[in-house]
C-alpha atoms as a PDB file:
ATOM      1  CA  MET A   1     -94.740  48.834 -41.283  1.00  0.00           C
ATOM      2  CA  LEU A   2     -95.157  45.300 -39.595  1.00  0.00           C
ATOM      3  CA  PHE A   3     -98.154  43.249 -39.457  1.00  0.00           C
ATOM      4  CA  ALA A   4     -99.104  39.671 -38.219  1.00  0.00           C
ATOM      5  CA  GLN A   5    -101.101  37.040 -39.819  1.00  0.00           C
ATOM      6  CA  ILE A   6    -102.676  33.975 -37.755  1.00  0.00           C
ATOM      7  CA  SER A   7    -105.052  31.788 -39.425  1.00  0.00           C
ATOM      8  CA  ASP A   8    -107.066  28.594 -38.725  1.00  0.00           C
ATOM      9  CA  LEU A   9    -107.615  28.663 -34.806  1.00  0.00           C
ATOM     10  CA  HIS A  10    -110.559  26.349 -34.907  1.00  0.00           C
ATOM     11  CA  ILE A  11    -111.747  27.484 -31.499  1.00  0.00           C
ATOM     12  CA  LYS A  12    -114.458  25.229 -29.872  1.00  0.00           C
ATOM     13  CA  ARG A  13    -116.772  25.879 -26.941  1.00  0.00           C
ATOM     14  CA  PRO A  14    -115.011  25.866 -23.475  1.00  0.00           C
ATOM     15  CA  GLY A  15    -113.552  22.668 -22.446  1.00  0.00           C
ATOM     16  CA  LYS A  16    -113.850  20.917 -25.875  1.00  0.00           C
ATOM     17  CA  LEU A  17    -111.051  19.488 -27.663  1.00  0.00           C
ATOM     18  CA  ALA A  18    -110.631  19.625 -31.609  1.00  0.00           C
ATOM     19  CA  TYR A  19    -110.415  16.051 -32.887  1.00  0.00           C
ATOM     20  CA  ARG A  20    -110.778  15.125 -29.242  1.00  0.00           C
ATOM     21  CA  ARG A  21    -106.975  15.801 -28.839  1.00  0.00           C
ATOM     22  CA  VAL A  22    -106.193  19.445 -29.508  1.00  0.00           C
ATOM     23  CA  ASP A  23    -106.669  22.182 -27.195  1.00  0.00           C
ATOM     24  CA  THR A  24    -107.039  24.966 -29.697  1.00  0.00           C
ATOM     25  CA  ALA A  25    -107.927  27.472 -27.112  1.00  0.00           C
ATOM     26  CA  ALA A  26    -104.580  26.732 -25.054  1.00  0.00           C
ATOM     27  CA  TYR A  27    -102.626  27.122 -28.199  1.00  0.00           C
ATOM     28  CA  LEU A  28    -104.308  30.563 -29.133  1.00  0.00           C
ATOM     29  CA  GLU A  29    -103.619  31.906 -25.499  1.00  0.00           C
ATOM     30  CA  ARG A  30     -99.857  31.137 -26.489  1.00  0.00           C
ATOM     31  CA  CYS A  31    -100.116  32.806 -29.502  1.00  0.00           C
ATOM     32  CA  VAL A  32    -101.581  35.966 -28.007  1.00  0.00           C
ATOM     33  CA  ALA A  33     -98.912  36.086 -25.290  1.00  0.00           C
ATOM     34  CA  ARG A  34     -96.333  35.663 -28.223  1.00  0.00           C
ATOM     35  CA  LEU A  35     -97.810  38.352 -30.247  1.00  0.00           C
ATOM     36  CA  ASN A  36     -97.894  40.747 -27.259  1.00  0.00           C
ATOM     37  CA  THR A  37     -94.302  40.461 -26.479  1.00  0.00           C
ATOM     38  CA  LEU A  38     -92.962  41.068 -30.083  1.00  0.00           C
ATOM     39  CA  VAL A  39     -90.548  43.703 -30.484  1.00  0.00           C
ATOM     40  CA  PRO A  40     -91.067  45.553 -32.870  1.00  0.00           C
ATOM     41  CA  ARG A  41     -94.779  45.091 -32.154  1.00  0.00           C
ATOM     42  CA  PRO A  42     -97.083  44.485 -35.095  1.00  0.00           C
ATOM     43  CA  GLU A  43     -99.461  47.334 -35.996  1.00  0.00           C
ATOM     44  CA  PHE A  44    -102.193  45.146 -36.539  1.00  0.00           C
ATOM     45  CA  VAL A  45    -102.997  41.447 -36.873  1.00  0.00           C
ATOM     46  CA  VAL A  46    -105.159  39.558 -39.684  1.00  0.00           C
ATOM     47  CA  LEU A  47    -107.058  36.356 -38.872  1.00  0.00           C
ATOM     48  CA  THR A  48    -107.464  34.606 -42.094  1.00  0.00           C
ATOM     49  CA  GLY A  49    -110.548  32.496 -41.380  1.00  0.00           C
ATOM     50  CA  ASP A  50    -111.483  29.304 -39.535  1.00  0.00           C
ATOM     51  CA  LEU A  51    -111.541  31.396 -36.564  1.00  0.00           C
ATOM     52  CA  VAL A  52    -113.860  28.653 -34.622  1.00  0.00           C
ATOM     53  CA  ASP A  53    -114.455  24.938 -35.422  1.00  0.00           C
ATOM     54  CA  PHE A  54    -118.639  24.929 -36.241  1.00  0.00           C
ATOM     55  CA  GLY A  55    -119.552  28.620 -36.466  1.00  0.00           C
ATOM     56  CA  ALA A  56    -121.429  28.622 -33.375  1.00  0.00           C
ATOM     57  CA  ARG A  57    -122.101  31.679 -31.022  1.00  0.00           C
ATOM     58  CA  GLU A  58    -120.679  29.830 -28.131  1.00  0.00           C
ATOM     59  CA  GLU A  59    -117.379  29.341 -29.736  1.00  0.00           C
ATOM     60  CA  TYR A  60    -117.204  32.883 -30.960  1.00  0.00           C
ATOM     61  CA  GLU A  61    -118.085  34.057 -27.546  1.00  0.00           C
ATOM     62  CA  HIS A  62    -114.922  31.876 -26.371  1.00  0.00           C
ATOM     63  CA  LEU A  63    -112.739  33.337 -29.126  1.00  0.00           C
ATOM     64  CA  ARG A  64    -113.673  36.822 -28.008  1.00  0.00           C
ATOM     65  CA  ARG A  65    -112.493  35.775 -24.338  1.00  0.00           C
ATOM     66  CA  LEU A  66    -109.291  34.469 -25.622  1.00  0.00           C
ATOM     67  CA  LEU A  67    -108.561  37.538 -27.948  1.00  0.00           C
ATOM     68  CA  ALA A  68    -109.262  40.045 -25.182  1.00  0.00           C
ATOM     69  CA  PRO A  69    -105.663  40.033 -23.822  1.00  0.00           C
ATOM     70  CA  LEU A  70    -104.358  40.811 -27.367  1.00  0.00           C
ATOM     71  CA  GLN A  71    -102.760  44.174 -27.467  1.00  0.00           C
ATOM     72  CA  ILE A  72    -102.953  44.996 -31.038  1.00  0.00           C
ATOM     73  CA  PRO A  73    -105.949  45.936 -33.227  1.00  0.00           C
ATOM     74  CA  TYR A  74    -107.284  42.771 -35.347  1.00  0.00           C
ATOM     75  CA  TYR A  75    -109.334  42.259 -38.567  1.00  0.00           C
ATOM     76  CA  LEU A  76    -111.397  39.107 -38.854  1.00  0.00           C
ATOM     77  CA  ILE A  77    -111.786  37.192 -42.042  1.00  0.00           C
ATOM     78  CA  ILE A  78    -114.265  34.471 -42.690  1.00  0.00           C
ATOM     79  CA  GLY A  79    -113.407  30.698 -43.331  1.00  0.00           C
ATOM     80  CA  ASN A  80    -115.186  27.662 -44.434  1.00  0.00           C
ATOM     81  CA  HIS A  81    -115.946  26.633 -40.627  1.00  0.00           C
ATOM     82  CA  ASP A  82    -117.208  30.060 -39.770  1.00  0.00           C
ATOM     83  CA  GLY A  83    -120.727  31.441 -39.300  1.00  0.00           C
ATOM     84  CA  ARG A  84    -121.130  35.020 -40.800  1.00  0.00           C
ATOM     85  CA  ASP A  85    -124.033  36.243 -38.767  1.00  0.00           C
ATOM     86  CA  ALA A  86    -122.850  34.572 -35.429  1.00  0.00           C
ATOM     87  CA  LEU A  87    -119.380  36.301 -35.954  1.00  0.00           C
ATOM     88  CA  ARG A  88    -121.184  39.805 -36.484  1.00  0.00           C
ATOM     89  CA  GLU A  89    -123.358  39.194 -33.264  1.00  0.00           C
ATOM     90  CA  VAL A  90    -120.464  38.392 -31.071  1.00  0.00           C
ATOM     91  CA  PHE A  91    -118.246  41.144 -32.660  1.00  0.00           C
ATOM     92  CA  PRO A  92    -120.583  43.753 -32.998  1.00  0.00           C
ATOM     93  CA  GLU A  93    -117.829  46.585 -32.806  1.00  0.00           C
ATOM     94  CA  HIS A  94    -116.238  45.343 -35.825  1.00  0.00           C
ATOM     95  CA  THR A  95    -118.575  47.050 -38.076  1.00  0.00           C
ATOM     96  CA  TYR A  96    -116.456  46.236 -41.174  1.00  0.00           C
ATOM     97  CA  LEU A  97    -118.039  42.987 -41.153  1.00  0.00           C
ATOM     98  CA  GLY A  98    -121.083  44.335 -42.921  1.00  0.00           C
ATOM     99  CA  GLU A  99    -124.894  43.751 -42.446  1.00  0.00           C
ATOM    100  CA  PRO A 100    -126.468  40.397 -41.759  1.00  0.00           C
ATOM    101  CA  GLY A 101    -127.298  38.207 -44.702  1.00  0.00           C
ATOM    102  CA  SER A 102    -124.177  39.860 -46.642  1.00  0.00           C
ATOM    103  CA  PHE A 103    -120.755  38.645 -47.536  1.00  0.00           C
ATOM    104  CA  VAL A 104    -117.872  39.647 -45.175  1.00  0.00           C
ATOM    105  CA  GLN A 105    -115.982  41.636 -47.648  1.00  0.00           C
ATOM    106  CA  TYR A 106    -114.344  44.887 -46.573  1.00  0.00           C
ATOM    107  CA  THR A 107    -111.452  47.336 -47.255  1.00  0.00           C
ATOM    108  CA  ALA A 108    -109.259  49.079 -44.652  1.00  0.00           C
ATOM    109  CA  THR A 109    -106.611  51.539 -45.197  1.00  0.00           C
ATOM    110  CA  LEU A 110    -103.812  50.683 -42.500  1.00  0.00           C
ATOM    111  CA  GLY A 111    -100.821  53.087 -42.615  1.00  0.00           C
ATOM    112  CA  ALA A 112     -98.981  52.505 -45.723  1.00  0.00           C
ATOM    113  CA  LEU A 113    -100.941  49.455 -46.881  1.00  0.00           C
ATOM    114  CA  ARG A 114    -104.498  48.679 -47.897  1.00  0.00           C
ATOM    115  CA  LEU A 115    -106.172  45.514 -46.859  1.00  0.00           C
ATOM    116  CA  VAL A 116    -109.014  43.999 -48.946  1.00  0.00           C
ATOM    117  CA  ALA A 117    -110.779  41.216 -47.472  1.00  0.00           C
ATOM    118  CA  LEU A 118    -112.611  38.629 -49.563  1.00  0.00           C
ATOM    119  CA  ASP A 119    -115.311  35.966 -48.364  1.00  0.00           C
ATOM    120  CA  THR A 120    -114.855  32.421 -49.923  1.00  0.00           C
ATOM    121  CA  GLN A 121    -117.237  30.736 -47.887  1.00  0.00           C
ATOM    122  CA  ASP A 122    -119.661  28.106 -49.784  1.00  0.00           C
ATOM    123  CA  PRO A 123    -121.641  26.503 -47.323  1.00  0.00           C
ATOM    124  CA  PRO A 124    -122.009  23.759 -46.811  1.00  0.00           C
ATOM    125  CA  ASN A 125    -119.163  22.886 -48.902  1.00  0.00           C
ATOM    126  CA  GLY A 126    -115.540  22.996 -47.477  1.00  0.00           C
ATOM    127  CA  GLY A 127    -114.137  24.396 -50.682  1.00  0.00           C
ATOM    128  CA  GLY A 128    -114.150  27.987 -51.590  1.00  0.00           C
ATOM    129  CA  ARG A 129    -116.148  30.100 -54.217  1.00  0.00           C
ATOM    130  CA  LEU A 130    -115.884  33.511 -55.523  1.00  0.00           C
ATOM    131  CA  CYS A 131    -119.180  34.307 -57.126  1.00  0.00           C
ATOM    132  CA  ASP A 132    -119.574  36.973 -59.818  1.00  0.00           C
ATOM    133  CA  GLN A 133    -120.959  39.381 -56.945  1.00  0.00           C
ATOM    134  CA  ARG A 134    -117.932  38.845 -54.977  1.00  0.00           C
ATOM    135  CA  LEU A 135    -115.608  39.236 -57.872  1.00  0.00           C
ATOM    136  CA  GLN A 136    -117.244  42.446 -59.013  1.00  0.00           C
ATOM    137  CA  TRP A 137    -117.049  43.860 -55.666  1.00  0.00           C
ATOM    138  CA  LEU A 138    -113.240  42.985 -55.584  1.00  0.00           C
ATOM    139  CA  GLU A 139    -112.702  44.497 -59.050  1.00  0.00           C
ATOM    140  CA  ALA A 140    -114.438  47.858 -57.891  1.00  0.00           C
ATOM    141  CA  ALA A 141    -112.409  47.886 -54.573  1.00  0.00           C
ATOM    142  CA  LEU A 142    -109.104  47.607 -56.477  1.00  0.00           C
ATOM    143  CA  ALA A 143    -110.273  49.997 -59.166  1.00  0.00           C
ATOM    144  CA  SER A 144    -111.113  52.687 -56.332  1.00  0.00           C
ATOM    145  CA  ASP A 145    -107.268  52.897 -55.159  1.00  0.00           C
ATOM    146  CA  THR A 146    -104.726  51.932 -57.814  1.00  0.00           C
ATOM    147  CA  ALA A 147    -101.607  53.607 -56.066  1.00  0.00           C
ATOM    148  CA  THR A 148    -101.675  52.258 -52.402  1.00  0.00           C
ATOM    149  CA  PRO A 149    -100.119  48.904 -52.129  1.00  0.00           C
ATOM    150  CA  THR A 150    -102.728  46.549 -51.511  1.00  0.00           C
ATOM    151  CA  VAL A 151    -102.765  42.966 -49.696  1.00  0.00           C
ATOM    152  CA  ILE A 152    -105.715  40.880 -50.367  1.00  0.00           C
ATOM    153  CA  ALA A 153    -106.870  38.603 -47.532  1.00  0.00           C
ATOM    154  CA  MET A 154    -108.994  35.416 -48.035  1.00  0.00           C
ATOM    155  CA  HIS A 155    -109.413  32.107 -46.609  1.00  0.00           C
ATOM    156  CA  HIS A 156    -109.093  29.621 -49.433  1.00  0.00           C
ATOM    157  CA  PRO A 157    -105.849  29.608 -51.267  1.00  0.00           C
ATOM    158  CA  PRO A 158    -106.447  30.147 -55.316  1.00  0.00           C
ATOM    159  CA  PHE A 159    -103.998  27.444 -56.139  1.00  0.00           C
ATOM    160  CA  ALA A 160    -103.038  23.776 -55.690  1.00  0.00           C
ATOM    161  CA  CYS A 161    -100.534  23.023 -53.270  1.00  0.00           C
ATOM    162  CA  GLY A 162    -100.117  19.270 -53.863  1.00  0.00           C
ATOM    163  CA  ILE A 163    -101.801  18.125 -50.471  1.00  0.00           C
ATOM    164  CA  GLU A 164    -104.611  16.253 -52.302  1.00  0.00           C
ATOM    165  CA  HIS A 165    -107.435  16.238 -49.737  1.00  0.00           C
ATOM    166  CA  MET A 166    -106.914  19.888 -49.094  1.00  0.00           C
ATOM    167  CA  ASP A 167    -106.468  20.631 -52.986  1.00  0.00           C
ATOM    168  CA  ALA A 168    -109.982  19.064 -53.138  1.00  0.00           C
ATOM    169  CA  GLN A 169    -111.557  22.033 -51.056  1.00  0.00           C
ATOM    170  CA  ALA A 170    -109.528  24.773 -52.423  1.00  0.00           C
ATOM    171  CA  LEU A 171    -110.906  27.738 -53.958  1.00  0.00           C
ATOM    172  CA  ASP A 172    -112.823  26.474 -57.111  1.00  0.00           C
ATOM    173  CA  ALA A 173    -110.433  26.425 -59.810  1.00  0.00           C
ATOM    174  CA  ALA A 174    -112.928  28.499 -62.429  1.00  0.00           C
ATOM    175  CA  ASP A 175    -113.295  31.066 -59.895  1.00  0.00           C
ATOM    176  CA  ALA A 176    -109.582  31.215 -59.118  1.00  0.00           C
ATOM    177  CA  ALA A 177    -108.832  31.773 -62.895  1.00  0.00           C
ATOM    178  CA  LYS A 178    -111.368  34.731 -62.825  1.00  0.00           C
ATOM    179  CA  LEU A 179    -109.662  36.046 -59.537  1.00  0.00           C
ATOM    180  CA  ALA A 180    -106.412  35.942 -61.443  1.00  0.00           C
ATOM    181  CA  ASP A 181    -107.788  37.713 -64.402  1.00  0.00           C
ATOM    182  CA  VAL A 182    -108.775  40.575 -61.880  1.00  0.00           C
ATOM    183  CA  VAL A 183    -105.724  40.576 -59.748  1.00  0.00           C
ATOM    184  CA  ARG A 184    -103.363  40.895 -62.709  1.00  0.00           C
ATOM    185  CA  ARG A 185    -104.819  44.303 -63.891  1.00  0.00           C
ATOM    186  CA  PHE A 186    -103.573  45.795 -60.718  1.00  0.00           C
ATOM    187  CA  ASP A 187     -99.955  46.047 -60.211  1.00  0.00           C
ATOM    188  CA  ASN A 188    -100.394  47.522 -56.660  1.00  0.00           C
ATOM    189  CA  VAL A 189    -101.164  44.203 -55.324  1.00  0.00           C
ATOM    190  CA  GLU A 190     -98.487  42.899 -53.177  1.00  0.00           C
ATOM    191  CA  ARG A 191     -99.855  39.749 -51.803  1.00  0.00           C
ATOM    192  CA  LEU A 192    -102.707  37.323 -51.603  1.00  0.00           C
ATOM    193  CA  ILE A 193    -102.574  36.122 -47.908  1.00  0.00           C
ATOM    194  CA  CYS A 194    -104.537  32.821 -47.241  1.00  0.00           C
ATOM    195  CA  GLY A 195    -105.181  30.275 -44.587  1.00  0.00           C
ATOM    196  CA  HIS A 196    -107.087  26.841 -44.848  1.00  0.00           C
ATOM    197  CA  VAL A 197    -104.142  24.525 -45.557  1.00  0.00           C
ATOM    198  CA  HIS A 198    -102.547  24.946 -42.042  1.00  0.00           C
ATOM    199  CA  ARG A 199     -98.955  25.027 -43.497  1.00  0.00           C
ATOM    200  CA  PRO A 200     -96.636  27.709 -44.585  1.00  0.00           C
ATOM    201  CA  ILE A 201     -96.849  27.735 -48.632  1.00  0.00           C
ATOM    202  CA  HIS A 202     -95.964  30.452 -51.236  1.00  0.00           C
ATOM    203  CA  THR A 203     -96.295  30.339 -54.890  1.00  0.00           C
ATOM    204  CA  ARG A 204     -96.680  33.064 -57.901  1.00  0.00           C
ATOM    205  CA  PHE A 205    -100.058  33.984 -58.866  1.00  0.00           C
ATOM    206  CA  ALA A 206    -101.504  36.575 -61.442  1.00  0.00           C
ATOM    207  CA  GLY A 207     -98.205  38.666 -61.383  1.00  0.00           C
ATOM    208  CA  THR A 208     -97.818  38.718 -57.559  1.00  0.00           C
ATOM    209  CA  ILE A 209     -97.348  36.253 -54.869  1.00  0.00           C
ATOM    210  CA  ALA A 210    -100.006  34.093 -52.901  1.00  0.00           C
ATOM    211  CA  SER A 211     -99.083  32.597 -49.560  1.00  0.00           C
ATOM    212  CA  VAL A 212    -100.591  30.362 -47.033  1.00  0.00           C
ATOM    213  CA  CYS A 213    -100.206  30.880 -43.246  1.00  0.00           C
ATOM    214  CA  PRO A 214     -99.881  27.879 -40.894  1.00  0.00           C
ATOM    215  CA  SER A 215    -101.987  27.510 -37.753  1.00  0.00           C
ATOM    216  CA  PRO A 216    -100.989  28.495 -34.126  1.00  0.00           C
ATOM    217  CA  ALA A 217    -102.587  25.052 -33.200  1.00  0.00           C
ATOM    218  CA  HIS A 218    -102.472  22.036 -35.362  1.00  0.00           C
ATOM    219  CA  GLN A 219    -101.093  21.601 -38.791  1.00  0.00           C
ATOM    220  CA  VAL A 220    -102.210  19.590 -41.876  1.00  0.00           C
ATOM    221  CA  ALA A 221     -99.837  16.821 -42.242  1.00  0.00           C
ATOM    222  CA  LEU A 222     -97.039  17.484 -45.041  1.00  0.00           C
ATOM    223  CA  ASP A 223     -98.138  14.388 -47.312  1.00  0.00           C
ATOM    224  CA  LEU A 224     -97.652  15.171 -51.030  1.00  0.00           C
ATOM    225  CA  ARG A 225     -98.293  11.337 -52.089  1.00  0.00           C
ATOM    226  CA  GLU A 226    -100.955  10.766 -54.587  1.00  0.00           C
ATOM    227  CA  GLY A 227    -104.090   9.631 -52.782  1.00  0.00           C
ATOM    228  CA  GLY A 228    -102.537  10.737 -49.137  1.00  0.00           C
ATOM    229  CA  PRO A 229    -105.046  10.405 -46.532  1.00  0.00           C
ATOM    230  CA  SER A 230    -106.731  13.631 -44.664  1.00  0.00           C
ATOM    231  CA  ALA A 231    -104.585  13.962 -41.537  1.00  0.00           C
ATOM    232  CA  TRP A 232    -103.144  16.592 -39.078  1.00  0.00           C
ATOM    233  CA  ALA A 233    -100.079  16.792 -37.043  1.00  0.00           C
ATOM    234  CA  LEU A 234     -98.797  18.882 -34.219  1.00  0.00           C
ATOM    235  CA  ASP A 235     -95.989  20.247 -35.977  1.00  0.00           C
ATOM    236  CA  PRO A 236     -94.708  23.386 -34.366  1.00  0.00           C
ATOM    237  CA  PRO A 237     -97.515  26.384 -33.893  1.00  0.00           C
ATOM    238  CA  ALA A 238     -96.702  29.102 -35.941  1.00  0.00           C
ATOM    239  CA  PHE A 239     -97.828  32.556 -37.625  1.00  0.00           C
ATOM    240  CA  GLN A 240     -96.281  34.855 -40.234  1.00  0.00           C
ATOM    241  CA  LEU A 241     -95.012  38.315 -39.881  1.00  0.00           C
ATOM    242  CA  HIS A 242     -95.096  40.504 -42.875  1.00  0.00           C
ATOM    243  CA  ARG A 243     -92.865  43.539 -43.171  1.00  0.00           C
ATOM    244  CA  PHE A 244     -93.740  46.345 -45.749  1.00  0.00           C
ATOM    245  CA  THR A 245     -91.255  49.225 -46.889  1.00  0.00           C
ATOM    246  CA  PRO A 246     -91.786  51.123 -50.133  1.00  0.00           C
ATOM    247  CA  GLN A 247     -88.301  50.343 -51.023  1.00  0.00           C
ATOM    248  CA  VAL A 248     -88.503  46.702 -50.924  1.00  0.00           C
ATOM    249  CA  GLY A 249     -92.206  45.659 -50.645  1.00  0.00           C
ATOM    250  CA  LEU A 250     -93.868  42.962 -48.757  1.00  0.00           C
ATOM    251  CA  VAL A 251     -91.239  40.551 -47.077  1.00  0.00           C
ATOM    252  CA  SER A 252     -92.820  37.799 -44.939  1.00  0.00           C
ATOM    253  CA  HIS A 253     -91.312  35.848 -42.208  1.00  0.00           C
ATOM    254  CA  LEU A 254     -92.506  32.424 -40.434  1.00  0.00           C
ATOM    255  CA  ALA A 255     -92.615  33.037 -36.643  1.00  0.00           C
ATOM    256  CA  PHE A 256     -92.944  30.114 -34.368  1.00  0.00           C
ATOM    257  CA  VAL A 257     -95.452  30.617 -31.353  1.00  0.00           C
ATOM    258  CA  ASP A 258     -92.658  28.768 -29.047  1.00  0.00           C
ATOM    259  CA  ASP A 259     -89.376  30.632 -28.605  1.00  0.00           C
ATOM    260  CA  ALA A 260     -87.258  27.281 -28.303  1.00  0.00           C
ATOM    261  CA  GLY A 261     -85.065  28.794 -25.701  1.00  0.00           C
ATOM    262  CA  GLY A 262     -84.594  32.265 -27.149  1.00  0.00           C
ATOM    263  CA  SER A 263     -81.686  33.734 -29.078  1.00  0.00           C
ATOM    264  CA  HIS A 264     -78.004  32.989 -28.842  1.00  0.00           C
ATOM    265  CA  PRO A 265     -74.971  34.939 -29.985  1.00  0.00           C
ATOM    266  CA  PHE A 266     -72.675  34.161 -32.986  1.00  0.00           C
ATOM    267  CA  TYR A 267     -69.866  36.063 -31.380  1.00  0.00           C
ATOM    268  CA  ASP A 268     -68.036  36.421 -28.228  1.00  0.00           C
ATOM    269  CA  ALA A 269     -67.208  39.578 -26.222  1.00  0.00           C
ATOM    270  CA  SER A 270     -64.343  40.167 -28.301  1.00  0.00           C
ATOM    271  CA  GLY A 271     -66.010  40.334 -31.570  1.00  0.00           C
ATOM    272  CA  ALA A 272     -64.545  36.799 -32.656  1.00  0.00           C
ATOM    273  CA  LEU A 273     -66.793  34.031 -33.953  1.00  0.00           C
ATOM    274  CA  ILE A 274     -67.395  31.399 -31.196  1.00  0.00           C
ATOM    275  CA  ASP A 275     -65.674  28.282 -31.978  1.00  0.00           C
END
């Protein structure tokens, strides 16, 4: 089984640039085109939050138009830039998003995998929270199926990555510790997939692995200095491909939106290594 993850699209209303410079809509168009050409094609796509920039209905309407050419089913996760009810209004056929006024948390069995989506939004704060209600929901969801390999999808990573201004708005540390207590009780949790930091990052967490997906648009600048400024960079746009097999588990690949000229052979027609 193969699925894709894209994150932190930050779509704005038509004609508006993020930070007055980044055409996030054009970047998403390129990403959708790339996903449609993948062979083998992913069975589904998970979008791990910050789908739009200010949670406005007009932004979600623009997002919907941009996603319309995508030929792969997709699942939406809430991020700190999103608006729960505006998202529901514009994507009414995505009934898993739940009722107005509720958290956007759901499960979906997708072939050999089970997806468990968490809502870490804590408006108006940029950082994330998992209150007792959300954690209790997660524990019940995991307890209801302890056999199927499970991927937990959430926006805020439950760990510090070393980029100070992003760590200041990560998942609340106490909530992350409670999340770890829940996750480590279920050995069928293959991975926690996250967004928010706009960079490819991986670490061990609660007996499994937690990873962060880069953005198909702008990235957070890689600055590990103490007191480093909050800044973004136009590093190559990217997404992640996750391949699951029962024999190996979940293996993840960083995939770039742009193909950089395609692939080239190692060997010539005679089978000799090209010198």
